[in-house]
Amino acid sequence: MPLNDEYSYDFETNRIETDNADKTQESADKTQESADKSQESADKMQGSADKTQHKLVLEYVEKNGKITSRQAEELLNVKQRRAREVLSKMVDKGTLIKQGAYRSTVYMLNKERGK
């Protein structure tokens, strides 16, 4: 069967497709840069939220002597998982101490932190 125009290979079309692939890669690179900047901004905002939440919890514990994850959840207006995360970070930093386990867990001010 002889080859006709339907079966011919067009090198010019292939070159154009290659050019488009290069442009797509440039676009993807720009998108990645934008995503990186967005992540940095989100990290800064999260750090600010952490400080605010830690301050609220600290004030509550200083006033009331202790806090539970349920009380932190209500105080911070977050889900219980986030409340526990905030409390755990404060324990890791030495601001609070954790007493009890499971449902009886309470967090109290670490009196050793100022020494």
N, C-alpha and C. Protein backbone atom coordinates (compact mmCIF):
# COMPACT_ATOMS: atom_id res chain seq x y z
N MET A 1 0.84 -1.18 0.00
CA MET A 1 0.00 0.00 0.00
C MET A 1 0.89 1.24 0.00
N PRO A 2 0.74 2.08 -0.99
CA PRO A 2 1.58 3.28 -1.06
C PRO A 2 1.17 4.30 0.00
N LEU A 3 2.12 5.02 0.50
CA LEU A 3 1.85 6.06 1.50
C LEU A 3 1.31 7.30 0.81
N ASN A 4 0.33 7.90 1.39
CA ASN A 4 -0.18 9.16 0.87
C ASN A 4 -0.13 10.20 1.98
N ASP A 5 -0.81 11.32 1.79
CA ASP A 5 -0.76 12.42 2.76
C ASP A 5 -1.29 12.02 4.14
N GLU A 6 -2.23 11.08 4.18
CA GLU A 6 -2.78 10.66 5.46
C GLU A 6 -1.75 9.96 6.33
N TYR A 7 -0.77 9.31 5.71
CA TYR A 7 0.20 8.51 6.45
C TYR A 7 1.54 9.20 6.58
N SER A 8 1.68 10.40 6.11
CA SER A 8 2.97 11.06 6.17
C SER A 8 3.22 11.64 7.56
N TYR A 9 4.46 11.76 7.89
CA TYR A 9 4.87 12.31 9.18
C TYR A 9 5.23 13.77 8.98
N ASP A 10 4.64 14.63 9.75
CA ASP A 10 4.85 16.06 9.59
C ASP A 10 5.83 16.54 10.66
N PHE A 11 7.05 16.79 10.26
CA PHE A 11 8.07 17.24 11.20
C PHE A 11 7.75 18.61 11.77
N GLU A 12 7.12 19.45 11.01
CA GLU A 12 6.77 20.80 11.45
C GLU A 12 5.77 20.72 12.61
N THR A 13 4.77 19.87 12.53
CA THR A 13 3.78 19.71 13.59
C THR A 13 4.46 19.20 14.85
N ASN A 14 5.39 18.28 14.70
CA ASN A 14 6.11 17.74 15.85
C ASN A 14 6.90 18.85 16.55
N ARG A 15 7.50 19.74 15.79
CA ARG A 15 8.27 20.83 16.36
C ARG A 15 7.35 21.75 17.17
N ILE A 16 6.19 22.03 16.66
CA ILE A 16 5.24 22.89 17.36
C ILE A 16 4.83 22.23 18.68
N GLU A 17 4.58 20.93 18.63
CA GLU A 17 4.22 20.23 19.86
C GLU A 17 5.35 20.29 20.88
N THR A 18 6.59 20.23 20.43
CA THR A 18 7.74 20.34 21.32
C THR A 18 7.79 21.73 21.93
N ASP A 19 7.53 22.75 21.13
CA ASP A 19 7.50 24.12 21.64
C ASP A 19 6.42 24.26 22.72
N ASN A 20 5.27 23.67 22.50
CA ASN A 20 4.19 23.72 23.48
C ASN A 20 4.60 23.00 24.77
N ALA A 21 5.33 21.91 24.63
CA ALA A 21 5.80 21.18 25.81
C ALA A 21 6.74 22.05 26.64
N ASP A 22 7.61 22.82 25.95
CA ASP A 22 8.52 23.72 26.65
C ASP A 22 7.73 24.80 27.40
N LYS A 23 6.72 25.34 26.76
CA LYS A 23 5.89 26.36 27.40
C LYS A 23 5.14 25.78 28.59
N THR A 24 4.68 24.54 28.46
CA THR A 24 3.98 23.88 29.57
C THR A 24 4.93 23.72 30.75
N GLN A 25 6.18 23.36 30.49
CA GLN A 25 7.17 23.20 31.57
C GLN A 25 7.44 24.54 32.26
N GLU A 26 7.56 25.62 31.48
CA GLU A 26 7.76 26.94 32.07
C GLU A 26 6.58 27.32 32.97
N SER A 27 5.38 27.02 32.50
CA SER A 27 4.18 27.31 33.27
C SER A 27 4.17 26.50 34.56
N ALA A 28 4.57 25.24 34.48
CA ALA A 28 4.62 24.39 35.67
C ALA A 28 5.63 24.91 36.66
N ASP A 29 6.78 25.39 36.17
CA ASP A 29 7.80 25.96 37.06
C ASP A 29 7.26 27.19 37.80
N LYS A 30 6.55 28.05 37.06
CA LYS A 30 5.97 29.24 37.69
C LYS A 30 4.92 28.86 38.72
N THR A 31 4.13 27.84 38.41
CA THR A 31 3.10 27.38 39.34
C THR A 31 3.74 26.87 40.62
N GLN A 32 4.85 26.14 40.51
CA GLN A 32 5.56 25.62 41.68
C GLN A 32 6.09 26.76 42.53
N GLU A 33 6.66 27.79 41.90
CA GLU A 33 7.16 28.96 42.65
C GLU A 33 6.02 29.62 43.41
N SER A 34 4.89 29.76 42.76
CA SER A 34 3.72 30.36 43.40
C SER A 34 3.25 29.52 44.57
N ALA A 35 3.26 28.20 44.40
CA ALA A 35 2.84 27.30 45.48
C ALA A 35 3.79 27.40 46.65
N ASP A 36 5.09 27.52 46.38
CA ASP A 36 6.08 27.65 47.46
C ASP A 36 5.84 28.93 48.26
N LYS A 37 5.55 30.03 47.56
CA LYS A 37 5.28 31.29 48.25
C LYS A 37 4.01 31.20 49.08
N SER A 38 2.99 30.52 48.56
CA SER A 38 1.75 30.35 49.29
C SER A 38 1.97 29.54 50.56
N GLN A 39 2.81 28.51 50.48
CA GLN A 39 3.11 27.68 51.65
C GLN A 39 3.84 28.49 52.71
N GLU A 40 4.80 29.33 52.28
CA GLU A 40 5.52 30.17 53.24
C GLU A 40 4.55 31.11 53.95
N SER A 41 3.64 31.68 53.21
CA SER A 41 2.65 32.58 53.79
C SER A 41 1.75 31.84 54.76
N ALA A 42 1.34 30.63 54.40
CA ALA A 42 0.49 29.83 55.28
C ALA A 42 1.23 29.46 56.56
N ASP A 43 2.52 29.16 56.44
CA ASP A 43 3.32 28.82 57.62
C ASP A 43 3.41 30.02 58.57
N LYS A 44 3.59 31.21 58.03
CA LYS A 44 3.65 32.41 58.87
C LYS A 44 2.32 32.64 59.58
N MET A 45 1.22 32.45 58.86
CA MET A 45 -0.10 32.63 59.46
C MET A 45 -0.34 31.59 60.55
N GLN A 46 0.10 30.35 60.32
CA GLN A 46 -0.07 29.29 61.32
C GLN A 46 0.74 29.62 62.56
N GLY A 47 1.95 30.13 62.39
CA GLY A 47 2.77 30.51 63.53
C GLY A 47 2.11 31.59 64.37
N SER A 48 1.48 32.53 63.72
CA SER A 48 0.76 33.59 64.42
C SER A 48 -0.44 33.03 65.17
N ALA A 49 -1.17 32.11 64.55
CA ALA A 49 -2.32 31.48 65.19
C ALA A 49 -1.87 30.66 66.40
N ASP A 50 -0.73 29.95 66.26
CA ASP A 50 -0.20 29.16 67.37
C ASP A 50 0.08 30.06 68.57
N LYS A 51 0.75 31.18 68.34
CA LYS A 51 1.08 32.10 69.44
C LYS A 51 -0.17 32.61 70.13
N THR A 52 -1.16 32.98 69.35
CA THR A 52 -2.42 33.48 69.90
C THR A 52 -3.12 32.40 70.72
N GLN A 53 -3.17 31.19 70.18
CA GLN A 53 -3.82 30.09 70.88
C GLN A 53 -3.06 29.72 72.15
N HIS A 54 -1.73 29.71 72.09
CA HIS A 54 -0.93 29.40 73.28
C HIS A 54 -1.18 30.45 74.36
N LYS A 55 -1.27 31.70 73.95
CA LYS A 55 -1.49 32.78 74.91
C LYS A 55 -2.86 32.62 75.59
N LEU A 56 -3.88 32.30 74.81
CA LEU A 56 -5.22 32.10 75.38
C LEU A 56 -5.24 30.95 76.38
N VAL A 57 -4.59 29.85 76.02
CA VAL A 57 -4.55 28.69 76.91
C VAL A 57 -3.78 29.04 78.18
N LEU A 58 -2.66 29.72 78.04
CA LEU A 58 -1.85 30.10 79.19
C LEU A 58 -2.64 30.99 80.15
N GLU A 59 -3.33 31.97 79.61
CA GLU A 59 -4.15 32.86 80.45
C GLU A 59 -5.24 32.07 81.18
N TYR A 60 -5.86 31.12 80.47
CA TYR A 60 -6.92 30.30 81.07
C TYR A 60 -6.36 29.46 82.21
N VAL A 61 -5.20 28.83 81.99
CA VAL A 61 -4.60 27.97 83.02
C VAL A 61 -4.15 28.80 84.22
N GLU A 62 -3.60 29.99 83.97
CA GLU A 62 -3.19 30.85 85.08
C GLU A 62 -4.40 31.24 85.93
N LYS A 63 -5.52 31.46 85.29
CA LYS A 63 -6.73 31.87 86.01
C LYS A 63 -7.42 30.69 86.70
N ASN A 64 -7.49 29.54 86.02
CA ASN A 64 -8.28 28.40 86.51
C ASN A 64 -7.45 27.24 87.09
N GLY A 65 -6.16 27.29 86.92
CA GLY A 65 -5.30 26.25 87.49
C GLY A 65 -5.08 25.04 86.60
N LYS A 66 -6.00 24.75 85.70
CA LYS A 66 -5.86 23.58 84.81
C LYS A 66 -6.80 23.75 83.63
N ILE A 67 -6.58 22.89 82.62
CA ILE A 67 -7.44 22.90 81.44
C ILE A 67 -7.49 21.48 80.88
N THR A 68 -8.63 21.10 80.33
CA THR A 68 -8.77 19.82 79.63
C THR A 68 -8.78 20.10 78.13
N SER A 69 -8.64 19.05 77.34
CA SER A 69 -8.67 19.25 75.88
C SER A 69 -10.06 19.75 75.46
N ARG A 70 -11.09 19.32 76.15
CA ARG A 70 -12.46 19.78 75.84
C ARG A 70 -12.60 21.27 76.12
N GLN A 71 -12.06 21.73 77.24
CA GLN A 71 -12.11 23.15 77.56
C GLN A 71 -11.30 23.96 76.56
N ALA A 72 -10.14 23.43 76.15
CA ALA A 72 -9.31 24.12 75.16
C ALA A 72 -10.03 24.19 73.82
N GLU A 73 -10.74 23.13 73.49
CA GLU A 73 -11.52 23.10 72.25
C GLU A 73 -12.53 24.24 72.24
N GLU A 74 -13.24 24.41 73.33
CA GLU A 74 -14.26 25.47 73.42
C GLU A 74 -13.61 26.85 73.49
N LEU A 75 -12.54 26.96 74.26
CA LEU A 75 -11.84 28.25 74.41
C LEU A 75 -11.30 28.75 73.07
N LEU A 76 -10.68 27.85 72.31
CA LEU A 76 -10.04 28.23 71.05
C LEU A 76 -10.97 28.16 69.85
N ASN A 77 -12.16 27.59 70.07
CA ASN A 77 -13.13 27.42 68.98
C ASN A 77 -12.52 26.61 67.83
N VAL A 78 -11.92 25.46 68.21
CA VAL A 78 -11.32 24.55 67.24
C VAL A 78 -11.82 23.14 67.51
N LYS A 79 -11.47 22.23 66.63
CA LYS A 79 -11.83 20.82 66.85
C LYS A 79 -10.93 20.23 67.94
N GLN A 80 -11.40 19.16 68.53
CA GLN A 80 -10.66 18.57 69.65
C GLN A 80 -9.26 18.13 69.24
N ARG A 81 -9.12 17.65 68.02
CA ARG A 81 -7.80 17.23 67.55
C ARG A 81 -6.82 18.40 67.58
N ARG A 82 -7.25 19.57 67.12
CA ARG A 82 -6.39 20.76 67.13
C ARG A 82 -6.12 21.21 68.57
N ALA A 83 -7.11 21.15 69.42
CA ALA A 83 -6.92 21.54 70.82
C ALA A 83 -5.84 20.66 71.45
N ARG A 84 -5.90 19.35 71.21
CA ARG A 84 -4.89 18.45 71.76
C ARG A 84 -3.51 18.74 71.19
N GLU A 85 -3.46 19.13 69.92
CA GLU A 85 -2.18 19.47 69.28
C GLU A 85 -1.57 20.70 69.96
N VAL A 86 -2.38 21.72 70.21
CA VAL A 86 -1.91 22.93 70.87
C VAL A 86 -1.40 22.60 72.27
N LEU A 87 -2.16 21.82 73.01
CA LEU A 87 -1.76 21.44 74.36
C LEU A 87 -0.47 20.62 74.34
N SER A 88 -0.35 19.71 73.41
CA SER A 88 0.87 18.88 73.30
C SER A 88 2.10 19.73 73.00
N LYS A 89 1.94 20.71 72.12
CA LYS A 89 3.06 21.60 71.80
C LYS A 89 3.49 22.38 73.05
N MET A 90 2.51 22.80 73.84
CA MET A 90 2.82 23.55 75.05
C MET A 90 3.51 22.65 76.08
N VAL A 91 3.15 21.38 76.11
CA VAL A 91 3.84 20.42 76.99
C VAL A 91 5.27 20.22 76.49
N ASP A 92 5.44 20.06 75.19
CA ASP A 92 6.77 19.87 74.60
C ASP A 92 7.68 21.06 74.88
N LYS A 93 7.12 22.26 74.88
CA LYS A 93 7.90 23.47 75.13
C LYS A 93 8.18 23.67 76.63
N GLY A 94 7.49 22.90 77.46
CA GLY A 94 7.70 23.02 78.90
C GLY A 94 6.79 24.03 79.57
N THR A 95 5.85 24.59 78.85
CA THR A 95 4.93 25.58 79.42
C THR A 95 3.90 24.90 80.32
N LEU A 96 3.39 23.75 79.88
CA LEU A 96 2.39 23.00 80.64
C LEU A 96 2.94 21.62 81.00
N ILE A 97 2.31 21.01 82.00
CA ILE A 97 2.58 19.61 82.30
C ILE A 97 1.28 18.85 82.14
N LYS A 98 1.39 17.61 81.73
CA LYS A 98 0.23 16.77 81.49
C LYS A 98 0.08 15.81 82.66
N GLN A 99 -1.13 15.74 83.21
CA GLN A 99 -1.40 14.81 84.30
C GLN A 99 -2.61 13.97 83.94
N GLY A 100 -2.52 12.69 84.28
CA GLY A 100 -3.62 11.78 84.00
C GLY A 100 -3.50 11.19 82.61
N ALA A 101 -4.51 10.41 82.26
CA ALA A 101 -4.52 9.75 80.95
C ALA A 101 -5.95 9.61 80.47
N TYR A 102 -6.06 9.49 79.18
CA TYR A 102 -7.36 9.31 78.52
C TYR A 102 -8.34 10.41 78.90
N ARG A 103 -9.49 10.05 79.41
CA ARG A 103 -10.53 11.04 79.69
C ARG A 103 -10.23 11.90 80.90
N SER A 104 -9.33 11.46 81.75
CA SER A 104 -9.04 12.23 82.96
C SER A 104 -7.81 13.13 82.80
N THR A 105 -7.32 13.31 81.58
CA THR A 105 -6.13 14.13 81.34
C THR A 105 -6.42 15.60 81.58
N VAL A 106 -5.56 16.23 82.36
CA VAL A 106 -5.62 17.68 82.56
C VAL A 106 -4.24 18.25 82.33
N TYR A 107 -4.20 19.49 81.96
CA TYR A 107 -2.94 20.19 81.70
C TYR A 107 -2.84 21.33 82.70
N MET A 108 -1.68 21.40 83.35
CA MET A 108 -1.47 22.41 84.37
C MET A 108 -0.21 23.20 84.06
N LEU A 109 -0.10 24.37 84.67
CA LEU A 109 1.08 25.22 84.47
C LEU A 109 2.30 24.52 85.03
N ASN A 110 3.37 24.53 84.28
CA ASN A 110 4.62 23.94 84.72
C ASN A 110 5.33 24.95 85.61
N LYS A 111 5.31 24.73 86.89
CA LYS A 111 5.90 25.67 87.85
C LYS A 111 7.42 25.65 87.78
N GLU A 112 8.00 24.62 87.18
CA GLU A 112 9.46 24.50 87.05
C GLU A 112 10.01 25.35 85.91
N ARG A 113 9.15 25.80 85.02
CA ARG A 113 9.64 26.49 83.81
C ARG A 113 10.32 27.81 84.10
N GLY A 114 9.96 28.48 85.17
CA GLY A 114 10.54 29.79 85.48
C GLY A 114 11.85 29.71 86.22
N LYS A 115 12.23 28.51 86.65
CA LYS A 115 13.46 28.37 87.46
C LYS A 115 14.69 28.18 86.62
